[in-house]
């Protein structure tokens, strides 16, 4: 299992253990539908968009494995940790699409889909390699366990979610149909003030610029983003760019690409990095 010994990681571990309870201390939840966003949007919990659960780093051949890895959280009242392999932004695309297809039925009820239609929605090819990659991603999403605390209720119990990103998936070779769902209790992460509706076509237009995809999600999750330091964005995004100067250059390129993509949809997105290395963003909210 990999271990992150950075100061940000140490602070995240301390904060997580301060806020998180054991699973049995979670407040009970109900299996409500996840949301009612439009077909061109994808709903995603803010705690996912504002952390490195799906990192902004580039995929590697050998994935790091983590056990109860606490992630730096953008909001002080939130805590998030996960156990499993390192996940990337293209795998978030898959998870968003699964959640989207499950959104109008009670959480915990499985949905089925044809693999070709699913892949084409993500603008991917439908060859054998793409089938295998999707199968691998679904296995990873099921294997990954997350522990999220959003807040405390009036009795001091944790309100959040502890469990897998998706339930076990099943594939029918004869019909090329997948059957997959999310756990009912994950609905707590989709409470009205706890999730964001992403403009999905804009996200897909960002291609394989994973930092741009992460920043698009992060800033979309804020109606009026507060100024944030370049270093803090590096910590939150899980970027694997070690040198601050190179990360700053990559961040400028990512924000410029977001601005260009949003302009094609006549959506407002302006940014600047000031002399104190603070990033300022003004945009048209997705929600």
C-alpha atoms as a PDB file:
ATOM      1  CA  UNK A   1       0.000   0.000   0.000  1.00  0.00           C
ATOM      2  CA  UNK A   2       1.283   3.483  -0.904  1.00  0.00           C
ATOM      3  CA  UNK A   3       1.642   6.200   1.683  1.00  0.00           C
ATOM      4  CA  UNK A   4       1.621   9.958   1.144  1.00  0.00           C
ATOM      5  CA  UNK A   5       3.920  11.684   3.637  1.00  0.00           C
ATOM      6  CA  UNK A   6       3.383  15.291   2.519  1.00  0.00           C
ATOM      7  CA  UNK A   7       2.310  17.940   5.013  1.00  0.00           C
ATOM      8  CA  UNK A   8      -1.046  18.244   3.264  1.00  0.00           C
ATOM      9  CA  UNK A   9      -1.588  14.496   3.554  1.00  0.00           C
ATOM     10  CA  UNK A  10      -0.654  14.507   7.240  1.00  0.00           C
ATOM     11  CA  UNK A  11      -3.079  17.369   7.904  1.00  0.00           C
ATOM     12  CA  UNK A  12      -5.796  15.511   5.986  1.00  0.00           C
ATOM     13  CA  UNK A  13      -5.286  12.388   8.082  1.00  0.00           C
ATOM     14  CA  UNK A  14      -5.509  14.370  11.297  1.00  0.00           C
ATOM     15  CA  UNK A  15      -8.638  16.194  10.165  1.00  0.00           C
ATOM     16  CA  UNK A  16     -10.272  13.003   8.970  1.00  0.00           C
ATOM     17  CA  UNK A  17      -9.798  11.256  12.295  1.00  0.00           C
ATOM     18  CA  UNK A  18     -11.153  14.306  14.108  1.00  0.00           C
ATOM     19  CA  UNK A  19     -14.379  14.301  12.082  1.00  0.00           C
ATOM     20  CA  UNK A  20     -15.021  10.694  11.105  1.00  0.00           C
ATOM     21  CA  UNK A  21     -16.880   8.102  13.191  1.00  0.00           C
ATOM     22  CA  UNK A  22     -17.121   4.363  12.835  1.00  0.00           C
ATOM     23  CA  UNK A  23     -19.656   3.194  10.252  1.00  0.00           C
ATOM     24  CA  UNK A  24     -22.228   2.182  12.887  1.00  0.00           C
ATOM     25  CA  UNK A  25     -22.316   5.775  14.155  1.00  0.00           C
ATOM     26  CA  UNK A  26     -23.693   7.076  10.855  1.00  0.00           C
ATOM     27  CA  UNK A  27     -27.163   8.594  10.910  1.00  0.00           C
ATOM     28  CA  UNK A  28     -29.758   6.498   9.026  1.00  0.00           C
ATOM     29  CA  UNK A  29     -30.470   7.498   5.444  1.00  0.00           C
ATOM     30  CA  UNK A  30     -33.275   6.900   2.977  1.00  0.00           C
ATOM     31  CA  UNK A  31     -33.022   5.544  -0.577  1.00  0.00           C
ATOM     32  CA  UNK A  32     -34.322   8.607  -2.385  1.00  0.00           C
ATOM     33  CA  UNK A  33     -33.699   9.205  -6.119  1.00  0.00           C
ATOM     34  CA  UNK A  34     -30.353  10.909  -6.637  1.00  0.00           C
ATOM     35  CA  UNK A  35     -31.587  13.941  -8.559  1.00  0.00           C
ATOM     36  CA  UNK A  36     -33.509  15.380 -11.500  1.00  0.00           C
ATOM     37  CA  UNK A  37     -30.845  17.099 -13.574  1.00  0.00           C
ATOM     38  CA  UNK A  38     -31.196  17.405 -17.356  1.00  0.00           C
ATOM     39  CA  UNK A  39     -29.874  14.971 -19.967  1.00  0.00           C
ATOM     40  CA  UNK A  40     -26.947  17.239 -20.856  1.00  0.00           C
ATOM     41  CA  UNK A  41     -25.859  17.497 -17.211  1.00  0.00           C
ATOM     42  CA  UNK A  42     -24.244  15.070 -14.802  1.00  0.00           C
ATOM     43  CA  UNK A  43     -24.740  15.253 -11.051  1.00  0.00           C
ATOM     44  CA  UNK A  44     -21.712  14.803  -8.816  1.00  0.00           C
ATOM     45  CA  UNK A  45     -21.152  15.222  -5.059  1.00  0.00           C
ATOM     46  CA  UNK A  46     -19.152  18.335  -4.234  1.00  0.00           C
ATOM     47  CA  UNK A  47     -16.871  16.344  -1.956  1.00  0.00           C
ATOM     48  CA  UNK A  48     -15.819  14.298  -5.004  1.00  0.00           C
ATOM     49  CA  UNK A  49     -15.265  17.346  -7.209  1.00  0.00           C
ATOM     50  CA  UNK A  50     -13.259  19.140  -4.538  1.00  0.00           C
ATOM     51  CA  UNK A  51     -10.878  16.302  -3.681  1.00  0.00           C
ATOM     52  CA  UNK A  52      -8.415  13.944  -5.348  1.00  0.00           C
ATOM     53  CA  UNK A  53     -10.664  10.888  -5.141  1.00  0.00           C
ATOM     54  CA  UNK A  54     -10.370  11.000  -8.950  1.00  0.00           C
ATOM     55  CA  UNK A  55      -6.967  12.588  -9.293  1.00  0.00           C
ATOM     56  CA  UNK A  56      -5.871  15.199 -11.823  1.00  0.00           C
ATOM     57  CA  UNK A  57      -2.670  13.208 -12.383  1.00  0.00           C
ATOM     58  CA  UNK A  58      -1.852  11.276 -15.515  1.00  0.00           C
ATOM     59  CA  UNK A  59      -2.631   7.529 -15.551  1.00  0.00           C
ATOM     60  CA  UNK A  60       0.293   5.201 -14.891  1.00  0.00           C
ATOM     61  CA  UNK A  61       0.751   1.562 -15.853  1.00  0.00           C
ATOM     62  CA  UNK A  62       1.099   0.548 -12.210  1.00  0.00           C
ATOM     63  CA  UNK A  63      -1.523   2.077  -9.935  1.00  0.00           C
ATOM     64  CA  UNK A  64      -0.866   3.076  -6.361  1.00  0.00           C
ATOM     65  CA  UNK A  65      -2.966   1.225  -3.789  1.00  0.00           C
ATOM     66  CA  UNK A  66      -4.193   2.971  -0.652  1.00  0.00           C
ATOM     67  CA  UNK A  67      -5.785   1.877   2.601  1.00  0.00           C
ATOM     68  CA  UNK A  68      -8.052   4.440   4.288  1.00  0.00           C
ATOM     69  CA  UNK A  69      -6.208   7.273   2.549  1.00  0.00           C
ATOM     70  CA  UNK A  70      -7.428  10.615   3.881  1.00  0.00           C
ATOM     71  CA  UNK A  71      -7.670  13.291   1.194  1.00  0.00           C
ATOM     72  CA  UNK A  72      -7.299  17.046   1.679  1.00  0.00           C
ATOM     73  CA  UNK A  73     -10.824  18.521   1.676  1.00  0.00           C
ATOM     74  CA  UNK A  74     -11.777  21.970   0.448  1.00  0.00           C
ATOM     75  CA  UNK A  75     -14.374  22.402   3.217  1.00  0.00           C
ATOM     76  CA  UNK A  76     -13.337  22.149   6.863  1.00  0.00           C
ATOM     77  CA  UNK A  77     -16.510  20.349   7.950  1.00  0.00           C
ATOM     78  CA  UNK A  78     -16.018  17.572   5.386  1.00  0.00           C
ATOM     79  CA  UNK A  79     -13.813  14.507   5.663  1.00  0.00           C
ATOM     80  CA  UNK A  80     -13.086  11.963   2.945  1.00  0.00           C
ATOM     81  CA  UNK A  81     -10.926   8.860   2.802  1.00  0.00           C
ATOM     82  CA  UNK A  82     -10.812   5.881   0.498  1.00  0.00           C
ATOM     83  CA  UNK A  83      -9.382   2.411   0.195  1.00  0.00           C
ATOM     84  CA  UNK A  84      -8.466   1.073  -3.218  1.00  0.00           C
ATOM     85  CA  UNK A  85      -6.461   1.832  -6.326  1.00  0.00           C
ATOM     86  CA  UNK A  86      -5.674   5.335  -7.551  1.00  0.00           C
ATOM     87  CA  UNK A  87      -8.548   6.600  -9.711  1.00  0.00           C
ATOM     88  CA  UNK A  88      -8.350   9.060 -12.601  1.00  0.00           C
ATOM     89  CA  UNK A  89     -10.588  11.558 -14.368  1.00  0.00           C
ATOM     90  CA  UNK A  90     -11.570   9.236 -17.229  1.00  0.00           C
ATOM     91  CA  UNK A  91     -12.919   6.866 -14.588  1.00  0.00           C
ATOM     92  CA  UNK A  92     -14.938   9.700 -13.100  1.00  0.00           C
ATOM     93  CA  UNK A  93     -16.550  10.061 -16.553  1.00  0.00           C
ATOM     94  CA  UNK A  94     -17.750   6.457 -16.234  1.00  0.00           C
ATOM     95  CA  UNK A  95     -19.015   6.922 -12.692  1.00  0.00           C
ATOM     96  CA  UNK A  96     -20.866  10.117 -13.645  1.00  0.00           C
ATOM     97  CA  UNK A  97     -22.609   8.284 -16.478  1.00  0.00           C
ATOM     98  CA  UNK A  98     -23.639   5.402 -14.200  1.00  0.00           C
ATOM     99  CA  UNK A  99     -25.026   7.839 -11.627  1.00  0.00           C
ATOM    100  CA  UNK A 100     -26.816   9.705 -14.421  1.00  0.00           C
ATOM    101  CA  UNK A 101     -28.558   6.567 -15.621  1.00  0.00           C
ATOM    102  CA  UNK A 102     -29.587   5.705 -12.057  1.00  0.00           C
ATOM    103  CA  UNK A 103     -30.699   9.193 -11.054  1.00  0.00           C
ATOM    104  CA  UNK A 104     -34.497   8.963 -11.456  1.00  0.00           C
ATOM    105  CA  UNK A 105     -35.034   5.698  -9.602  1.00  0.00           C
ATOM    106  CA  UNK A 106     -34.584   4.926  -5.925  1.00  0.00           C
ATOM    107  CA  UNK A 107     -30.906   4.625  -5.082  1.00  0.00           C
ATOM    108  CA  UNK A 108     -29.981   0.974  -4.748  1.00  0.00           C
ATOM    109  CA  UNK A 109     -32.030  -0.115  -7.773  1.00  0.00           C
ATOM    110  CA  UNK A 110     -29.839  -1.382 -10.612  1.00  0.00           C
ATOM    111  CA  UNK A 111     -29.967  -0.015 -14.137  1.00  0.00           C
ATOM    112  CA  UNK A 112     -29.055  -1.833 -17.351  1.00  0.00           C
ATOM    113  CA  UNK A 113     -27.472  -0.474 -20.510  1.00  0.00           C
ATOM    114  CA  UNK A 114     -25.978  -1.649 -23.779  1.00  0.00           C
ATOM    115  CA  UNK A 115     -22.215  -1.339 -23.719  1.00  0.00           C
ATOM    116  CA  UNK A 116     -21.984   0.340 -27.152  1.00  0.00           C
ATOM    117  CA  UNK A 117     -24.447   3.082 -26.278  1.00  0.00           C
ATOM    118  CA  UNK A 118     -22.667   3.709 -22.991  1.00  0.00           C
ATOM    119  CA  UNK A 119     -19.260   3.998 -24.651  1.00  0.00           C
ATOM    120  CA  UNK A 120     -20.542   6.265 -27.409  1.00  0.00           C
ATOM    121  CA  UNK A 121     -22.052   8.602 -24.814  1.00  0.00           C
ATOM    122  CA  UNK A 122     -18.521   8.983 -23.446  1.00  0.00           C
ATOM    123  CA  UNK A 123     -17.238   9.562 -27.021  1.00  0.00           C
ATOM    124  CA  UNK A 124     -15.260   6.347 -26.973  1.00  0.00           C
ATOM    125  CA  UNK A 125     -14.807   3.634 -29.557  1.00  0.00           C
ATOM    126  CA  UNK A 126     -16.620   0.318 -29.229  1.00  0.00           C
ATOM    127  CA  UNK A 127     -13.795  -2.086 -29.966  1.00  0.00           C
ATOM    128  CA  UNK A 128     -12.570  -4.942 -27.818  1.00  0.00           C
ATOM    129  CA  UNK A 129      -9.972  -2.726 -26.116  1.00  0.00           C
ATOM    130  CA  UNK A 130     -12.670  -0.256 -25.075  1.00  0.00           C
ATOM    131  CA  UNK A 131     -14.889  -3.061 -23.755  1.00  0.00           C
ATOM    132  CA  UNK A 132     -12.013  -4.356 -21.629  1.00  0.00           C
ATOM    133  CA  UNK A 133     -11.199  -0.877 -20.335  1.00  0.00           C
ATOM    134  CA  UNK A 134     -14.810  -0.301 -19.307  1.00  0.00           C
ATOM    135  CA  UNK A 135     -14.924  -3.694 -17.592  1.00  0.00           C
ATOM    136  CA  UNK A 136     -11.731  -2.833 -15.717  1.00  0.00           C
ATOM    137  CA  UNK A 137     -13.096   0.544 -14.665  1.00  0.00           C
ATOM    138  CA  UNK A 138     -16.305  -0.993 -13.318  1.00  0.00           C
ATOM    139  CA  UNK A 139     -14.239  -3.466 -11.323  1.00  0.00           C
ATOM    140  CA  UNK A 140     -12.174  -0.613  -9.872  1.00  0.00           C
ATOM    141  CA  UNK A 141     -15.255   1.438  -8.962  1.00  0.00           C
ATOM    142  CA  UNK A 142     -16.761  -1.536  -7.174  1.00  0.00           C
ATOM    143  CA  UNK A 143     -13.511  -2.346  -5.371  1.00  0.00           C
ATOM    144  CA  UNK A 144     -13.041   1.239  -4.159  1.00  0.00           C
ATOM    145  CA  UNK A 145     -14.497   1.953  -0.728  1.00  0.00           C
ATOM    146  CA  UNK A 146     -15.040   5.552   0.384  1.00  0.00           C
ATOM    147  CA  UNK A 147     -15.710   7.033   3.806  1.00  0.00           C
ATOM    148  CA  UNK A 148     -17.271  10.494   3.651  1.00  0.00           C
ATOM    149  CA  UNK A 149     -18.477  12.702   6.486  1.00  0.00           C
ATOM    150  CA  UNK A 150     -20.425  15.791   5.405  1.00  0.00           C
ATOM    151  CA  UNK A 151     -21.640  17.053   8.779  1.00  0.00           C
ATOM    152  CA  UNK A 152     -23.086  15.994  12.132  1.00  0.00           C
ATOM    153  CA  UNK A 153     -26.764  15.694  12.910  1.00  0.00           C
ATOM    154  CA  UNK A 154     -28.431  16.994  16.077  1.00  0.00           C
ATOM    155  CA  UNK A 155     -27.408  13.818  17.935  1.00  0.00           C
ATOM    156  CA  UNK A 156     -23.770  14.157  16.924  1.00  0.00           C
ATOM    157  CA  UNK A 157     -23.871  11.285  14.439  1.00  0.00           C
ATOM    158  CA  UNK A 158     -21.990  11.467  11.164  1.00  0.00           C
ATOM    159  CA  UNK A 159     -24.032  12.305   8.069  1.00  0.00           C
ATOM    160  CA  UNK A 160     -22.374  10.958   4.943  1.00  0.00           C
ATOM    161  CA  UNK A 161     -21.615   7.644   3.305  1.00  0.00           C
ATOM    162  CA  UNK A 162     -19.378   4.642   3.811  1.00  0.00           C
ATOM    163  CA  UNK A 163     -19.304   2.014   1.091  1.00  0.00           C
ATOM    164  CA  UNK A 164     -18.403   1.267  -2.527  1.00  0.00           C
ATOM    165  CA  UNK A 165     -18.682   3.722  -5.413  1.00  0.00           C
ATOM    166  CA  UNK A 166     -20.875   1.224  -7.291  1.00  0.00           C
ATOM    167  CA  UNK A 167     -22.431  -2.099  -6.416  1.00  0.00           C
ATOM    168  CA  UNK A 168     -21.234  -5.258  -8.118  1.00  0.00           C
ATOM    169  CA  UNK A 169     -21.815  -5.141 -11.879  1.00  0.00           C
ATOM    170  CA  UNK A 170     -22.947  -7.974 -14.130  1.00  0.00           C
ATOM    171  CA  UNK A 171     -22.409  -8.406 -17.864  1.00  0.00           C
ATOM    172  CA  UNK A 172     -24.497 -10.499 -20.277  1.00  0.00           C
ATOM    173  CA  UNK A 173     -22.302 -11.748 -23.141  1.00  0.00           C
ATOM    174  CA  UNK A 174     -25.321 -12.660 -25.255  1.00  0.00           C
ATOM    175  CA  UNK A 175     -27.023  -9.247 -25.131  1.00  0.00           C
ATOM    176  CA  UNK A 176     -23.957  -7.041 -24.442  1.00  0.00           C
ATOM    177  CA  UNK A 177     -25.892  -5.535 -21.548  1.00  0.00           C
ATOM    178  CA  UNK A 178     -24.378  -4.329 -18.293  1.00  0.00           C
ATOM    179  CA  UNK A 179     -26.392  -4.245 -15.088  1.00  0.00           C
ATOM    180  CA  UNK A 180     -25.036  -1.933 -12.403  1.00  0.00           C
ATOM    181  CA  UNK A 181     -26.220   0.314  -9.608  1.00  0.00           C
ATOM    182  CA  UNK A 182     -25.165   2.445  -6.671  1.00  0.00           C
ATOM    183  CA  UNK A 183     -25.877   1.790  -3.003  1.00  0.00           C
ATOM    184  CA  UNK A 184     -29.010   3.415  -1.632  1.00  0.00           C
ATOM    185  CA  UNK A 185     -27.176   5.213   1.167  1.00  0.00           C
ATOM    186  CA  UNK A 186     -25.008   7.129  -1.301  1.00  0.00           C
ATOM    187  CA  UNK A 187     -28.053   9.358  -1.877  1.00  0.00           C
ATOM    188  CA  UNK A 188     -26.910  11.397   1.135  1.00  0.00           C
ATOM    189  CA  UNK A 189     -24.052  12.764  -0.995  1.00  0.00           C
ATOM    190  CA  UNK A 190     -26.621  14.072  -3.492  1.00  0.00           C
ATOM    191  CA  UNK A 191     -28.542  16.271  -1.052  1.00  0.00           C
ATOM    192  CA  UNK A 192     -29.565  19.600  -2.700  1.00  0.00           C
ATOM    193  CA  UNK A 193     -26.669  21.620  -1.289  1.00  0.00           C
ATOM    194  CA  UNK A 194     -24.129  18.802  -1.504  1.00  0.00           C
ATOM    195  CA  UNK A 195     -23.856  18.163  -5.228  1.00  0.00           C
ATOM    196  CA  UNK A 196     -23.331  19.998  -8.522  1.00  0.00           C
ATOM    197  CA  UNK A 197     -24.784  19.600 -12.001  1.00  0.00           C
ATOM    198  CA  UNK A 198     -21.905  19.534 -14.475  1.00  0.00           C
ATOM    199  CA  UNK A 199     -22.169  20.557 -18.121  1.00  0.00           C
ATOM    200  CA  UNK A 200     -21.120  17.149 -19.459  1.00  0.00           C
ATOM    201  CA  UNK A 201     -20.383  18.034 -23.091  1.00  0.00           C
ATOM    202  CA  UNK A 202     -18.009  20.747 -21.921  1.00  0.00           C
ATOM    203  CA  UNK A 203     -16.273  18.248 -19.649  1.00  0.00           C
ATOM    204  CA  UNK A 204     -15.873  15.751 -22.496  1.00  0.00           C
ATOM    205  CA  UNK A 205     -14.564  18.521 -24.763  1.00  0.00           C
ATOM    206  CA  UNK A 206     -11.611  18.868 -22.392  1.00  0.00           C
ATOM    207  CA  UNK A 207     -10.392  15.490 -23.635  1.00  0.00           C
ATOM    208  CA  UNK A 208      -7.404  14.015 -21.842  1.00  0.00           C
ATOM    209  CA  UNK A 209      -6.377  17.185 -20.036  1.00  0.00           C
ATOM    210  CA  UNK A 210      -7.086  15.718 -16.621  1.00  0.00           C
ATOM    211  CA  UNK A 211      -6.126  18.860 -14.728  1.00  0.00           C
ATOM    212  CA  UNK A 212      -8.588  20.842 -16.868  1.00  0.00           C
ATOM    213  CA  UNK A 213     -11.316  18.287 -16.125  1.00  0.00           C
ATOM    214  CA  UNK A 214     -10.579  18.442 -12.409  1.00  0.00           C
ATOM    215  CA  UNK A 215     -10.577  22.254 -12.375  1.00  0.00           C
ATOM    216  CA  UNK A 216     -13.797  22.332 -14.395  1.00  0.00           C
ATOM    217  CA  UNK A 217     -15.464  20.202 -11.741  1.00  0.00           C
ATOM    218  CA  UNK A 218     -13.942  22.083  -8.821  1.00  0.00           C
ATOM    219  CA  UNK A 219     -14.921  25.560  -9.994  1.00  0.00           C
ATOM    220  CA  UNK A 220     -18.336  24.380 -11.223  1.00  0.00           C
ATOM    221  CA  UNK A 221     -19.048  23.239  -7.663  1.00  0.00           C
ATOM    222  CA  UNK A 222     -18.802  26.868  -6.469  1.00  0.00           C
ATOM    223  CA  UNK A 223     -21.351  29.435  -7.578  1.00  0.00           C
ATOM    224  CA  UNK A 224     -18.944  32.211  -6.658  1.00  0.00           C
ATOM    225  CA  UNK A 225     -15.496  30.669  -6.196  1.00  0.00           C
ATOM    226  CA  UNK A 226     -13.309  32.167  -3.506  1.00  0.00           C
ATOM    227  CA  UNK A 227      -9.723  33.018  -4.472  1.00  0.00           C
ATOM    228  CA  UNK A 228      -7.557  29.967  -3.874  1.00  0.00           C
ATOM    229  CA  UNK A 229      -3.794  29.562  -3.983  1.00  0.00           C
ATOM    230  CA  UNK A 230      -2.063  27.643  -6.746  1.00  0.00           C
ATOM    231  CA  UNK A 231      -0.440  25.424  -4.118  1.00  0.00           C
ATOM    232  CA  UNK A 232      -3.790  24.589  -2.536  1.00  0.00           C
ATOM    233  CA  UNK A 233      -5.200  23.569  -5.918  1.00  0.00           C
ATOM    234  CA  UNK A 234      -2.186  21.319  -6.420  1.00  0.00           C
ATOM    235  CA  UNK A 235      -2.867  19.637  -3.067  1.00  0.00           C
ATOM    236  CA  UNK A 236      -6.606  19.238  -3.590  1.00  0.00           C
ATOM    237  CA  UNK A 237      -6.308  17.927  -7.152  1.00  0.00           C
ATOM    238  CA  UNK A 238      -3.709  15.280  -6.328  1.00  0.00           C
ATOM    239  CA  UNK A 239      -1.527  16.496  -9.191  1.00  0.00           C
ATOM    240  CA  UNK A 240       1.624  14.461  -9.773  1.00  0.00           C
ATOM    241  CA  UNK A 241       3.502  17.543 -11.001  1.00  0.00           C
ATOM    242  CA  UNK A 242       6.216  17.949  -8.376  1.00  0.00           C
ATOM    243  CA  UNK A 243       7.635  21.344  -9.352  1.00  0.00           C
ATOM    244  CA  UNK A 244       5.416  24.324  -8.429  1.00  0.00           C
ATOM    245  CA  UNK A 245       6.462  26.241 -11.531  1.00  0.00           C
ATOM    246  CA  UNK A 246       5.458  23.414 -13.849  1.00  0.00           C
ATOM    247  CA  UNK A 247       2.147  22.969 -12.059  1.00  0.00           C
ATOM    248  CA  UNK A 248       1.443  26.692 -12.409  1.00  0.00           C
ATOM    249  CA  UNK A 249       2.108  26.453 -16.142  1.00  0.00           C
ATOM    250  CA  UNK A 250      -0.136  23.399 -16.431  1.00  0.00           C
ATOM    251  CA  UNK A 251      -2.831  25.177 -14.430  1.00  0.00           C
ATOM    252  CA  UNK A 252      -2.723  28.208 -16.729  1.00  0.00           C
ATOM    253  CA  UNK A 253      -3.090  25.928 -19.749  1.00  0.00           C
ATOM    254  CA  UNK A 254      -5.969  24.063 -18.093  1.00  0.00           C
ATOM    255  CA  UNK A 255      -7.874  27.221 -17.201  1.00  0.00           C
ATOM    256  CA  UNK A 256      -7.314  28.622 -20.685  1.00  0.00           C
ATOM    257  CA  UNK A 257      -8.725  25.430 -22.209  1.00  0.00           C
ATOM    258  CA  UNK A 258     -11.784  25.586 -19.943  1.00  0.00           C
ATOM    259  CA  UNK A 259     -12.334  29.200 -20.974  1.00  0.00           C
ATOM    260  CA  UNK A 260     -12.100  28.258 -24.669  1.00  0.00           C
ATOM    261  CA  UNK A 261     -14.492  25.330 -24.302  1.00  0.00           C
ATOM    262  CA  UNK A 262     -17.043  27.330 -22.316  1.00  0.00           C
ATOM    263  CA  UNK A 263     -16.919  30.064 -24.944  1.00  0.00           C
ATOM    264  CA  UNK A 264     -18.117  27.593 -27.583  1.00  0.00           C
ATOM    265  CA  UNK A 265     -21.267  27.122 -25.485  1.00  0.00           C
ATOM    266  CA  UNK A 266     -21.563  30.880 -24.903  1.00  0.00           C
ATOM    267  CA  UNK A 267     -20.897  30.376 -21.233  1.00  0.00           C
ATOM    268  CA  UNK A 268     -18.996  32.871 -19.111  1.00  0.00           C
ATOM    269  CA  UNK A 269     -15.651  31.761 -17.604  1.00  0.00           C
ATOM    270  CA  UNK A 270     -12.901  34.229 -16.693  1.00  0.00           C
ATOM    271  CA  UNK A 271      -9.788  33.622 -14.636  1.00  0.00           C
ATOM    272  CA  UNK A 272      -6.546  35.227 -13.506  1.00  0.00           C
ATOM    273  CA  UNK A 273      -3.632  34.447 -11.186  1.00  0.00           C
ATOM    274  CA  UNK A 274      -2.583  37.466  -9.146  1.00  0.00           C
ATOM    275  CA  UNK A 275       0.800  38.483  -7.746  1.00  0.00           C
ATOM    276  CA  UNK A 276       0.123  36.543  -4.541  1.00  0.00           C
ATOM    277  CA  UNK A 277      -0.388  33.337  -6.557  1.00  0.00           C
ATOM    278  CA  UNK A 278      -4.119  33.336  -5.882  1.00  0.00           C
ATOM    279  CA  UNK A 279      -6.438  32.002  -8.582  1.00  0.00           C
ATOM    280  CA  UNK A 280      -9.554  34.098  -9.231  1.00  0.00           C
ATOM    281  CA  UNK A 281     -12.417  32.602 -11.262  1.00  0.00           C
ATOM    282  CA  UNK A 282     -15.767  34.055 -12.299  1.00  0.00           C
ATOM    283  CA  UNK A 283     -18.086  31.765 -14.188  1.00  0.00           C
ATOM    284  CA  UNK A 284     -21.655  30.850 -15.084  1.00  0.00           C
ATOM    285  CA  UNK A 285     -22.743  28.201 -12.590  1.00  0.00           C
ATOM    286  CA  UNK A 286     -23.882  24.829 -13.908  1.00  0.00           C
ATOM    287  CA  UNK A 287     -26.627  24.422 -11.264  1.00  0.00           C
END
